Each structure stands twice: as structure tokens, then as C-alpha cells.
Amino acid sequence: MLRGKITELEDRSRRSNLSFLGFPEGVEKNNATEFIQNWLTSTCGDNCLSPLFEIEQAHRLPGGRQPPGGTLRAILARFSSQRDRDRVIRWKREAQDVHYNGTEIQIYPDFSKETQIKRREYRELKKRLITAKISYSMLYPAKMRIVFKDEVYFF
């Protein structure tokens, strides 16, 4: 019970964060905050961001630079406004394919390790649902909602 409360508190502290995966190492040139803010402004534009849009802080996840072809480290960004964070998620969902110099960029909410592990259990099911073109969504913390033939199922 205490572990669940700690996990929830950690997730709440991260609710203004997004994780950006796919940017090559070094493109941020030691200023990830400015890089993410400029990239989102130019790709997402005024149609999804508020006039006061700002990234409070951004950084690469630790682990050292990876060799070419190695696993890319994510850039974690904290938004000053949760509305802008939600708008970016909605924009990514609608745009589907977002690229930077030919590389697909994936954008995810930032969750605690425990929540990520719970959500990872649905990975195979998600792949099958995408292949079958069945609509689904993930609800917090790790609950799946599937819409099939105008009926809604929760798992």
C-alpha cells in the first residue's frame, strides 16, 4: 500500500514531463531545453501551442553518449504548462508520424519505473490491436480501454 502511494506521488511529480525518443546524440548542442522548445515551435506550430509556451527544463537521460547505431537516449522535457504538454501529446497522436531529419520521433508521457513496468505488460496486445486496426487507449496507471464494434472493454 505504501509502495503504491509512493509510485502515485512520483507519477504526479512527473505529470508535466514528456519523453522524446529518436533524436540523434548531440543535436541539442548542450542546450536541450532550447532545442526542444525550438523544434516543437517549428514542427507543431501555433496551432497546438499556447502563446506562452515554454519548456522549463530538458536534458538527455544519463548513460553517456552512445556509439553510432547504438540505443538512443531519450530527452526528458518539463513543460511549464500541462495544457501545452497535453496539446503536444494530442498533436503527436493526430500527426502519427513526426520526423527529425528522416528519423521518427516518439513522444511519451513520463511515468515512474513501476508504472512503466505495469504498462509494458500490454505491449504484445497493443501490437495485435494495431495490426487488427482496433481502437484502444491506455488509462492511468495501467488500464487498457478497447473499443470494438461500438462496445467498450476495460482490462
N, C-alpha and C. Protein backbone atom coordinates (compact mmCIF):
# COMPACT_ATOMS: atom_id res chain seq x y z
N MET A 1 0.82 -1.18 0.00
CA MET A 1 0.00 0.00 0.00
C MET A 1 0.87 1.26 0.00
N LEU A 2 1.89 1.28 0.83
CA LEU A 2 2.79 2.43 0.87
C LEU A 2 3.55 2.57 -0.45
N ARG A 3 3.95 1.44 -1.04
CA ARG A 3 4.65 1.44 -2.32
C ARG A 3 3.78 2.07 -3.40
N GLY A 4 2.48 1.76 -3.39
CA GLY A 4 1.55 2.33 -4.36
C GLY A 4 1.40 3.83 -4.20
N LYS A 5 1.39 4.31 -2.97
CA LYS A 5 1.30 5.76 -2.73
C LYS A 5 2.56 6.47 -3.20
N ILE A 6 3.71 5.87 -2.97
CA ILE A 6 4.96 6.48 -3.42
C ILE A 6 5.00 6.54 -4.93
N THR A 7 4.57 5.46 -5.59
CA THR A 7 4.53 5.43 -7.05
C THR A 7 3.59 6.52 -7.58
N GLU A 8 2.43 6.67 -6.95
CA GLU A 8 1.49 7.69 -7.39
C GLU A 8 2.07 9.10 -7.21
N LEU A 9 2.74 9.34 -6.09
CA LEU A 9 3.37 10.64 -5.86
C LEU A 9 4.45 10.92 -6.90
N GLU A 10 5.23 9.90 -7.23
CA GLU A 10 6.28 10.09 -8.24
C GLU A 10 5.66 10.39 -9.60
N ASP A 11 4.60 9.68 -9.94
CA ASP A 11 3.92 9.92 -11.22
C ASP A 11 3.31 11.33 -11.26
N ARG A 12 2.76 11.79 -10.15
CA ARG A 12 2.20 13.14 -10.10
C ARG A 12 3.28 14.20 -10.29
N SER A 13 4.46 13.94 -9.73
CA SER A 13 5.54 14.91 -9.89
C SER A 13 6.06 14.97 -11.32
N ARG A 14 5.78 13.94 -12.11
CA ARG A 14 6.24 13.87 -13.49
C ARG A 14 5.16 14.22 -14.51
N ARG A 15 4.00 14.65 -14.06
CA ARG A 15 2.88 14.81 -14.99
C ARG A 15 3.04 15.96 -15.98
N SER A 16 3.99 16.83 -15.78
CA SER A 16 4.26 17.90 -16.76
C SER A 16 5.42 17.54 -17.67
N ASN A 17 5.89 16.30 -17.61
CA ASN A 17 7.05 15.88 -18.39
C ASN A 17 6.64 15.05 -19.61
N LEU A 18 7.45 15.17 -20.65
CA LEU A 18 7.34 14.29 -21.82
C LEU A 18 8.72 13.76 -22.15
N SER A 19 8.75 12.55 -22.68
CA SER A 19 9.99 11.92 -23.10
C SER A 19 10.02 11.88 -24.62
N PHE A 20 11.09 12.38 -25.22
CA PHE A 20 11.25 12.42 -26.67
C PHE A 20 12.34 11.43 -27.05
N LEU A 21 11.98 10.45 -27.85
CA LEU A 21 12.93 9.41 -28.23
C LEU A 21 13.12 9.42 -29.74
N GLY A 22 14.39 9.41 -30.16
CA GLY A 22 14.69 9.33 -31.59
C GLY A 22 15.64 10.41 -32.07
N PHE A 23 15.89 11.42 -31.26
CA PHE A 23 16.82 12.46 -31.67
C PHE A 23 18.25 11.92 -31.61
N PRO A 24 19.03 12.14 -32.67
CA PRO A 24 20.43 11.69 -32.65
C PRO A 24 21.21 12.37 -31.53
N GLU A 25 22.23 11.69 -31.06
CA GLU A 25 23.08 12.23 -30.00
C GLU A 25 23.73 13.53 -30.47
N GLY A 26 23.72 14.53 -29.60
CA GLY A 26 24.43 15.76 -29.86
C GLY A 26 23.67 16.84 -30.62
N VAL A 27 22.45 16.55 -31.11
CA VAL A 27 21.73 17.58 -31.87
C VAL A 27 21.33 18.75 -30.98
N GLU A 28 21.23 18.50 -29.69
CA GLU A 28 20.81 19.57 -28.78
C GLU A 28 21.95 20.53 -28.43
N LYS A 29 23.17 20.18 -28.77
CA LYS A 29 24.35 21.04 -28.58
C LYS A 29 24.41 21.65 -27.17
N ASN A 30 24.34 20.83 -26.16
CA ASN A 30 24.45 21.24 -24.75
C ASN A 30 23.35 22.16 -24.26
N ASN A 31 22.25 22.30 -25.01
CA ASN A 31 21.11 23.08 -24.54
C ASN A 31 19.83 22.40 -25.00
N ALA A 32 19.48 21.31 -24.33
CA ALA A 32 18.32 20.52 -24.71
C ALA A 32 17.02 21.31 -24.54
N THR A 33 16.97 22.19 -23.56
CA THR A 33 15.76 22.99 -23.32
C THR A 33 15.44 23.85 -24.54
N GLU A 34 16.42 24.58 -25.00
CA GLU A 34 16.21 25.45 -26.16
C GLU A 34 15.94 24.63 -27.42
N PHE A 35 16.64 23.51 -27.58
CA PHE A 35 16.45 22.67 -28.76
C PHE A 35 15.02 22.15 -28.84
N ILE A 36 14.50 21.56 -27.75
CA ILE A 36 13.14 21.01 -27.75
C ILE A 36 12.12 22.13 -27.96
N GLN A 37 12.31 23.26 -27.31
CA GLN A 37 11.37 24.37 -27.46
C GLN A 37 11.34 24.85 -28.91
N ASN A 38 12.49 25.02 -29.52
CA ASN A 38 12.54 25.47 -30.92
C ASN A 38 11.98 24.42 -31.87
N TRP A 39 12.29 23.16 -31.64
CA TRP A 39 11.81 22.09 -32.50
C TRP A 39 10.28 21.99 -32.44
N LEU A 40 9.72 22.02 -31.22
CA LEU A 40 8.26 21.95 -31.09
C LEU A 40 7.58 23.16 -31.71
N THR A 41 8.15 24.34 -31.53
CA THR A 41 7.58 25.55 -32.10
C THR A 41 7.56 25.48 -33.62
N SER A 42 8.63 24.96 -34.21
CA SER A 42 8.69 24.90 -35.68
C SER A 42 7.87 23.75 -36.26
N THR A 43 7.77 22.61 -35.58
CA THR A 43 7.03 21.48 -36.15
C THR A 43 5.56 21.48 -35.76
N CYS A 44 5.28 21.74 -34.51
CA CYS A 44 3.91 21.74 -34.01
C CYS A 44 3.24 23.07 -34.33
N GLY A 45 3.97 24.16 -34.14
CA GLY A 45 3.49 25.47 -34.51
C GLY A 45 2.46 26.06 -33.57
N ASP A 46 1.95 27.19 -34.00
CA ASP A 46 0.99 27.93 -33.19
C ASP A 46 -0.36 27.25 -33.09
N ASN A 47 -0.64 26.32 -34.00
CA ASN A 47 -1.95 25.68 -33.99
C ASN A 47 -2.14 24.74 -32.80
N CYS A 48 -1.06 24.35 -32.13
CA CYS A 48 -1.25 23.47 -30.98
C CYS A 48 -0.64 24.01 -29.70
N LEU A 49 0.22 25.00 -29.78
CA LEU A 49 0.87 25.54 -28.59
C LEU A 49 0.29 26.90 -28.21
N SER A 50 0.27 27.18 -26.93
CA SER A 50 -0.22 28.47 -26.46
C SER A 50 0.82 29.55 -26.72
N PRO A 51 0.44 30.82 -26.72
CA PRO A 51 1.41 31.90 -26.93
C PRO A 51 2.48 31.96 -25.84
N LEU A 52 2.18 31.43 -24.66
CA LEU A 52 3.13 31.45 -23.55
C LEU A 52 3.89 30.14 -23.42
N PHE A 53 3.92 29.34 -24.48
CA PHE A 53 4.59 28.03 -24.44
C PHE A 53 6.04 28.17 -24.00
N GLU A 54 6.42 27.31 -23.06
CA GLU A 54 7.80 27.32 -22.57
C GLU A 54 8.16 25.95 -22.01
N ILE A 55 9.38 25.54 -22.30
CA ILE A 55 9.95 24.34 -21.69
C ILE A 55 10.77 24.83 -20.50
N GLU A 56 10.43 24.37 -19.31
CA GLU A 56 11.16 24.79 -18.11
C GLU A 56 12.57 24.22 -18.09
N GLN A 57 12.65 22.92 -18.41
CA GLN A 57 13.94 22.24 -18.33
C GLN A 57 13.89 21.01 -19.23
N ALA A 58 15.02 20.69 -19.83
CA ALA A 58 15.13 19.48 -20.63
C ALA A 58 16.56 18.96 -20.54
N HIS A 59 16.70 17.65 -20.62
CA HIS A 59 18.03 17.03 -20.56
C HIS A 59 17.96 15.62 -21.15
N ARG A 60 19.11 15.14 -21.58
CA ARG A 60 19.23 13.75 -22.01
C ARG A 60 19.24 12.87 -20.78
N LEU A 61 18.68 11.68 -20.91
CA LEU A 61 18.76 10.74 -19.80
C LEU A 61 20.22 10.31 -19.64
N PRO A 62 20.64 10.02 -18.41
CA PRO A 62 22.03 9.66 -18.19
C PRO A 62 22.40 8.34 -18.86
N GLY A 63 23.68 8.12 -18.99
CA GLY A 63 24.14 6.86 -19.57
C GLY A 63 25.31 7.06 -20.52
N GLY A 64 25.70 8.30 -20.75
CA GLY A 64 26.82 8.55 -21.64
C GLY A 64 26.43 8.48 -23.09
N ARG A 65 27.22 9.12 -23.93
CA ARG A 65 26.97 9.11 -25.37
C ARG A 65 27.04 7.70 -25.90
N GLN A 66 26.12 7.37 -26.77
CA GLN A 66 26.08 6.05 -27.39
C GLN A 66 26.82 6.10 -28.72
N PRO A 67 27.45 4.99 -29.11
CA PRO A 67 28.11 4.96 -30.42
C PRO A 67 27.08 5.01 -31.54
N PRO A 68 27.49 5.42 -32.75
CA PRO A 68 26.55 5.44 -33.88
C PRO A 68 25.90 4.07 -34.06
N GLY A 69 24.58 4.07 -34.21
CA GLY A 69 23.84 2.82 -34.36
C GLY A 69 23.44 2.22 -33.02
N GLY A 70 23.89 2.80 -31.91
CA GLY A 70 23.54 2.30 -30.58
C GLY A 70 22.16 2.76 -30.16
N THR A 71 21.75 2.34 -28.99
CA THR A 71 20.46 2.73 -28.46
C THR A 71 20.45 4.23 -28.16
N LEU A 72 19.43 4.91 -28.67
CA LEU A 72 19.33 6.35 -28.46
C LEU A 72 18.81 6.64 -27.05
N ARG A 73 19.39 7.65 -26.42
CA ARG A 73 18.91 8.09 -25.12
C ARG A 73 17.80 9.12 -25.33
N ALA A 74 16.79 9.05 -24.51
CA ALA A 74 15.66 9.97 -24.62
C ALA A 74 16.03 11.34 -24.08
N ILE A 75 15.30 12.35 -24.55
CA ILE A 75 15.38 13.69 -23.98
C ILE A 75 14.12 13.88 -23.16
N LEU A 76 14.30 14.22 -21.90
CA LEU A 76 13.18 14.44 -21.00
C LEU A 76 12.95 15.93 -20.86
N ALA A 77 11.70 16.38 -21.07
CA ALA A 77 11.39 17.81 -21.03
C ALA A 77 10.24 18.07 -20.06
N ARG A 78 10.41 19.11 -19.23
CA ARG A 78 9.36 19.55 -18.31
C ARG A 78 8.73 20.81 -18.89
N PHE A 79 7.40 20.73 -19.09
CA PHE A 79 6.64 21.84 -19.65
C PHE A 79 6.19 22.76 -18.53
N SER A 80 6.16 24.05 -18.79
CA SER A 80 5.67 24.99 -17.78
C SER A 80 4.16 24.89 -17.65
N SER A 81 3.49 24.44 -18.69
CA SER A 81 2.04 24.33 -18.68
C SER A 81 1.64 22.89 -19.04
N GLN A 82 0.82 22.29 -18.20
CA GLN A 82 0.37 20.94 -18.50
C GLN A 82 -0.55 20.94 -19.72
N ARG A 83 -1.22 22.04 -19.97
CA ARG A 83 -2.07 22.14 -21.17
C ARG A 83 -1.23 22.00 -22.44
N ASP A 84 -0.09 22.67 -22.48
CA ASP A 84 0.79 22.55 -23.65
C ASP A 84 1.31 21.12 -23.78
N ARG A 85 1.64 20.51 -22.66
CA ARG A 85 2.09 19.11 -22.68
C ARG A 85 1.01 18.23 -23.29
N ASP A 86 -0.24 18.40 -22.84
CA ASP A 86 -1.35 17.61 -23.36
C ASP A 86 -1.61 17.90 -24.84
N ARG A 87 -1.43 19.15 -25.24
CA ARG A 87 -1.61 19.51 -26.65
C ARG A 87 -0.56 18.84 -27.53
N VAL A 88 0.66 18.75 -27.04
CA VAL A 88 1.72 18.08 -27.80
C VAL A 88 1.39 16.60 -27.95
N ILE A 89 0.91 15.96 -26.90
CA ILE A 89 0.53 14.54 -26.98
C ILE A 89 -0.60 14.37 -27.99
N ARG A 90 -1.60 15.24 -27.95
CA ARG A 90 -2.73 15.17 -28.89
C ARG A 90 -2.25 15.40 -30.33
N TRP A 91 -1.36 16.37 -30.50
CA TRP A 91 -0.80 16.66 -31.83
C TRP A 91 -0.05 15.45 -32.36
N LYS A 92 0.76 14.81 -31.53
CA LYS A 92 1.51 13.62 -31.96
C LYS A 92 0.56 12.49 -32.35
N ARG A 93 -0.49 12.31 -31.56
CA ARG A 93 -1.46 11.25 -31.85
C ARG A 93 -2.14 11.49 -33.19
N GLU A 94 -2.49 12.74 -33.47
CA GLU A 94 -3.16 13.07 -34.73
C GLU A 94 -2.20 13.05 -35.92
N ALA A 95 -0.98 13.52 -35.70
CA ALA A 95 0.00 13.57 -36.79
C ALA A 95 0.56 12.20 -37.11
N GLN A 96 0.56 11.29 -36.14
CA GLN A 96 1.07 9.93 -36.25
C GLN A 96 2.57 9.89 -36.50
N ASP A 97 3.03 10.31 -37.67
CA ASP A 97 4.47 10.25 -37.98
C ASP A 97 5.08 11.63 -37.83
N VAL A 98 5.98 11.75 -36.87
CA VAL A 98 6.70 13.00 -36.65
C VAL A 98 8.17 12.67 -36.84
N HIS A 99 8.86 13.44 -37.67
CA HIS A 99 10.24 13.13 -38.01
C HIS A 99 11.18 14.31 -37.73
N TYR A 100 12.43 13.97 -37.52
CA TYR A 100 13.51 14.95 -37.43
C TYR A 100 14.64 14.45 -38.31
N ASN A 101 14.92 15.13 -39.40
CA ASN A 101 15.94 14.73 -40.37
C ASN A 101 15.81 13.27 -40.78
N GLY A 102 14.59 12.84 -41.06
CA GLY A 102 14.35 11.49 -41.55
C GLY A 102 14.21 10.44 -40.46
N THR A 103 14.38 10.80 -39.21
CA THR A 103 14.26 9.85 -38.11
C THR A 103 12.93 10.07 -37.41
N GLU A 104 12.20 8.99 -37.16
CA GLU A 104 10.91 9.12 -36.48
C GLU A 104 11.15 9.48 -35.01
N ILE A 105 10.38 10.43 -34.54
CA ILE A 105 10.45 10.86 -33.15
C ILE A 105 9.23 10.31 -32.42
N GLN A 106 9.48 9.65 -31.32
CA GLN A 106 8.41 9.12 -30.49
C GLN A 106 8.29 9.99 -29.24
N ILE A 107 7.05 10.27 -28.85
CA ILE A 107 6.80 11.13 -27.70
C ILE A 107 5.91 10.37 -26.72
N TYR A 108 6.38 10.28 -25.47
CA TYR A 108 5.67 9.53 -24.45
C TYR A 108 5.53 10.36 -23.17
N PRO A 109 4.46 10.11 -22.41
CA PRO A 109 4.39 10.70 -21.07
C PRO A 109 5.49 10.08 -20.20
N ASP A 110 5.94 10.81 -19.21
CA ASP A 110 6.98 10.33 -18.31
C ASP A 110 6.32 9.72 -17.08
N PHE A 111 6.55 8.43 -16.86
CA PHE A 111 5.99 7.73 -15.70
C PHE A 111 7.12 7.13 -14.87
N SER A 112 6.79 6.78 -13.64
CA SER A 112 7.75 6.12 -12.76
C SER A 112 8.08 4.73 -13.32
N LYS A 113 9.17 4.18 -12.86
CA LYS A 113 9.62 2.86 -13.33
C LYS A 113 8.55 1.79 -13.08
N GLU A 114 7.90 1.84 -11.91
CA GLU A 114 6.87 0.85 -11.58
C GLU A 114 5.69 0.92 -12.54
N THR A 115 5.26 2.14 -12.87
CA THR A 115 4.15 2.31 -13.80
C THR A 115 4.56 1.86 -15.20
N GLN A 116 5.79 2.15 -15.61
CA GLN A 116 6.27 1.71 -16.92
C GLN A 116 6.27 0.18 -17.02
N ILE A 117 6.67 -0.49 -15.96
CA ILE A 117 6.69 -1.96 -15.96
C ILE A 117 5.27 -2.51 -16.10
N LYS A 118 4.31 -1.92 -15.38
CA LYS A 118 2.91 -2.37 -15.49
C LYS A 118 2.38 -2.16 -16.90
N ARG A 119 2.69 -1.00 -17.51
CA ARG A 119 2.20 -0.70 -18.86
C ARG A 119 2.87 -1.56 -19.92
N ARG A 120 4.10 -1.96 -19.67
CA ARG A 120 4.85 -2.78 -20.62
C ARG A 120 4.19 -4.15 -20.82
N GLU A 121 3.43 -4.61 -19.84
CA GLU A 121 2.76 -5.91 -19.95
C GLU A 121 1.76 -5.94 -21.09
N TYR A 122 1.31 -4.79 -21.55
CA TYR A 122 0.33 -4.71 -22.63
C TYR A 122 0.98 -4.60 -24.01
N ARG A 123 2.29 -4.64 -24.08
CA ARG A 123 2.99 -4.40 -25.34
C ARG A 123 2.54 -5.33 -26.47
N GLU A 124 2.51 -6.62 -26.21
CA GLU A 124 2.11 -7.58 -27.26
C GLU A 124 0.66 -7.37 -27.69
N LEU A 125 -0.20 -7.13 -26.71
CA LEU A 125 -1.61 -6.88 -27.03
C LEU A 125 -1.76 -5.64 -27.89
N LYS A 126 -1.01 -4.58 -27.58
CA LYS A 126 -1.06 -3.35 -28.38
C LYS A 126 -0.68 -3.62 -29.82
N LYS A 127 0.38 -4.40 -30.03
CA LYS A 127 0.81 -4.73 -31.40
C LYS A 127 -0.29 -5.46 -32.15
N ARG A 128 -0.94 -6.39 -31.49
CA ARG A 128 -2.03 -7.14 -32.14
C ARG A 128 -3.22 -6.24 -32.45
N LEU A 129 -3.54 -5.34 -31.53
CA LEU A 129 -4.65 -4.43 -31.77
C LEU A 129 -4.36 -3.48 -32.92
N ILE A 130 -3.13 -3.00 -33.01
CA ILE A 130 -2.75 -2.11 -34.11
C ILE A 130 -2.85 -2.87 -35.43
N THR A 131 -2.36 -4.10 -35.47
CA THR A 131 -2.43 -4.92 -36.68
C THR A 131 -3.88 -5.15 -37.09
N ALA A 132 -4.75 -5.40 -36.11
CA ALA A 132 -6.17 -5.65 -36.39
C ALA A 132 -6.96 -4.35 -36.58
N LYS A 133 -6.29 -3.20 -36.43
CA LYS A 133 -6.93 -1.88 -36.56
C LYS A 133 -8.11 -1.71 -35.61
N ILE A 134 -7.86 -2.12 -34.36
CA ILE A 134 -8.86 -1.97 -33.30
C ILE A 134 -8.42 -0.83 -32.40
N SER A 135 -9.35 0.07 -32.10
CA SER A 135 -9.04 1.26 -31.31
C SER A 135 -8.85 0.89 -29.83
N TYR A 136 -7.79 1.45 -29.24
CA TYR A 136 -7.53 1.24 -27.82
C TYR A 136 -6.90 2.49 -27.24
N SER A 137 -6.90 2.58 -25.92
CA SER A 137 -6.18 3.65 -25.23
C SER A 137 -5.74 3.14 -23.87
N MET A 138 -4.68 3.76 -23.36
CA MET A 138 -4.17 3.40 -22.05
C MET A 138 -4.63 4.45 -21.05
N LEU A 139 -5.20 4.01 -19.95
CA LEU A 139 -5.63 4.89 -18.88
C LEU A 139 -4.66 4.74 -17.72
N TYR A 140 -4.56 5.78 -16.92
CA TYR A 140 -3.64 5.74 -15.78
C TYR A 140 -4.18 4.84 -14.69
N PRO A 141 -3.34 4.05 -14.02
CA PRO A 141 -1.92 3.88 -14.24
C PRO A 141 -1.62 2.85 -15.33
N ALA A 142 -2.31 1.73 -15.34
CA ALA A 142 -2.04 0.71 -16.35
C ALA A 142 -3.33 -0.04 -16.66
N LYS A 143 -4.28 0.69 -17.18
CA LYS A 143 -5.58 0.12 -17.52
C LYS A 143 -5.80 0.35 -19.00
N MET A 144 -6.22 -0.70 -19.71
CA MET A 144 -6.43 -0.58 -21.15
C MET A 144 -7.92 -0.51 -21.45
N ARG A 145 -8.27 0.42 -22.35
CA ARG A 145 -9.64 0.55 -22.82
C ARG A 145 -9.66 0.20 -24.30
N ILE A 146 -10.49 -0.77 -24.67
CA ILE A 146 -10.60 -1.21 -26.06
C ILE A 146 -12.02 -0.93 -26.53
N VAL A 147 -12.13 -0.31 -27.71
CA VAL A 147 -13.43 -0.05 -28.32
C VAL A 147 -13.53 -0.97 -29.53
N PHE A 148 -14.49 -1.88 -29.49
CA PHE A 148 -14.67 -2.85 -30.56
C PHE A 148 -16.16 -3.01 -30.84
N LYS A 149 -16.56 -2.75 -32.07
CA LYS A 149 -17.96 -2.85 -32.51
C LYS A 149 -18.88 -2.07 -31.58
N ASP A 150 -18.51 -0.81 -31.34
CA ASP A 150 -19.28 0.13 -30.53
C ASP A 150 -19.47 -0.32 -29.08
N GLU A 151 -18.63 -1.23 -28.60
CA GLU A 151 -18.65 -1.63 -27.20
C GLU A 151 -17.29 -1.34 -26.60
N VAL A 152 -17.28 -0.96 -25.32
CA VAL A 152 -16.05 -0.59 -24.63
C VAL A 152 -15.71 -1.67 -23.60
N TYR A 153 -14.45 -2.10 -23.64
CA TYR A 153 -13.95 -3.12 -22.71
C TYR A 153 -12.77 -2.56 -21.95
N PHE A 154 -12.67 -2.90 -20.66
CA PHE A 154 -11.53 -2.46 -19.82
C PHE A 154 -10.78 -3.67 -19.32
N PHE A 155 -9.45 -3.57 -19.31
CA PHE A 155 -8.60 -4.63 -18.81
C PHE A 155 -7.56 -4.06 -17.87
